[in-house]
Amino acid sequence: MGRHAVVVGGSVAGLLAAHVLAGHARRVTIVERDRFPADRAADADGGTPASTAPRPGVPQSRHPHVLLEGGQLALEALLPGFMEELRAAGAPRVGMPEDIVQWQSGRWFRRVPASTHIHTGSRAQIERLIRRRVLANPSVTLVDGTETVGLLGDASRVRGVLLRERGDGPRGEQRELAADLVVDASGRGTRAPRWLTAIGAEAPHEETIDTGLAYASRVYRDTSGTLGADATAPALGFYVVPNPSQPYGVVVLPLEDGTHLATFSGLRGDEPPTDEEEFETYAKRLPHPAVHRWMRAAEPLSPVSGFRRTANVRRRYDLPGRRPAGFLATGDALCTFNPIYGQGMAVAALSAVALRDALTDSRRTPTTRRVQRALLAASRQAWDISAGADKKMPGAVGNAAVVRPADRVAGWYLRRVQERTPGDPVVGRAFRAALTLKEPLSALFAPEVARAVLFGPALPAPAEPPLTRDAGEA
């Protein structure tokens, strides 16, 4: 309890890691390169809310962020009452498949009562609420507007970080901040591998799968009454899921202010445009004109924002090598997923739970390697889903993109699962539980699910977009 921990990065993964570490260290310092809103102190005390505008260090914050059910459960375990706060702040709660007009694998989903719910508010809103809770702990200090430029220590142990005031340039004055533990939560742009080699340690092996997928987003206001939380509105959003034979995708989801965020996705060489007129024309590539019709009637409220860094990258700090004690990686700095699957915030929360459990396990000494393995394990299911789907996409590249014989067997079974999910409530329930990280992938092989997948027919699904709800079984 007399120790000092430094967390590099003040996003969701870093904030939650700091929250856990505050129970094991006298003080925890979060170092963040961005400057948070000036009213963050009032925000931490429950006063005036901080700005929810996207911040520069999270370019993806202008695009959809969903909080999957597995992440909701983890957040509630870490910050009791958080989900109630999120709902009170107006974050939309979307039932799947009841509230979404969804197309996948050539079929529309029956909109039966929801078996799982996702939250679709902005990334900035969720981050602000978490930051308020975490910074209310006097043991946690935020140092923002400051870059981490290196590690202190050597190949055997990390002893702190080297900092520089942001804006001072590459030759600006540097200062040292000693620490007993450094946690890298700096995101997909992490420079930790370079920092480690600079102190004589070994950079981790990286596994990568990149489909070249890109996406572009724009905020709209529904003016047709097609989408909305009102009881008379037939749906809250649209979701067209891409696959190897149909590579175009779209998701239209509600935000906390009553608007909708529309995002198109496409693969390398046919990326969604950021030109406003071409953006709407891109909707014609989808397998049905429903989204294009809605978009032409809706009111655009923002420019089009693009994003192209969507590769899956897993850094194997758990493997043998010259790894210093006192250094851990978590969140996107450890395992980055194609954002189209919406797993990032949930995995950040699940990783914080894994960190908590590893540090409080009375049966085992929490060595650096043991805790790092626990953090990697927390991200494994999300990796299996994201990387497993992406390696089948046309044009996928990377050292982990090889399709193995076992992948083909699993792929055959999962294709049957996906064919039955739109119309079969048993299979659909299990599939959604696994995709939202609420249940393990083994839920797809439960006896009643396996019987339906292996021996049952693909039940009828709607021939056209189901703009009204189904009264059938969830």
Foldseek 3Di string as FASTA:
>chain_A
DAFEEEEEAQALLRLLLLLLCVVPHQAYEYEAQWDFAPCLVLLLVVHDFGDLDDTPLCLCLLAKFKQFPLLVVLVCVSPPPLVVVVVVLQFDKFFPPQFEFEADPHFTFANAGGLTIMTTATSSVSSRSSSSPSVNDVRYHYDYQKDFDAFDDALAATFWTKIFRHPQPPPGDIDTDTGLAYEYASAQPDPVQVRHVVRPWHFFDKFKKAQQKKKKKFKWAFPPLCAWPDPVHLHPWYWYDAAQVQFKIWIWHAYSVRIIMIMIMGGPPDGQDQPPVSNLVVCVSDPDCPVSVRVVNIGTDDGMRMDGPFMWMAGCPLDDTSHYWRYAYAFNRGIGFRCVLNCRSSLSSLLSVLLSCLPPPPVDDNTRNNNNVSRVVSCVLVCCVRLLRRLNHPRMDTPNSDQDPVSVVVVVLVVLLVLQLSPPPQSVSLVSCSSSVVDPPCSCVPVVNVCCSPPNDRDDGDPDRPSHHDHDDD
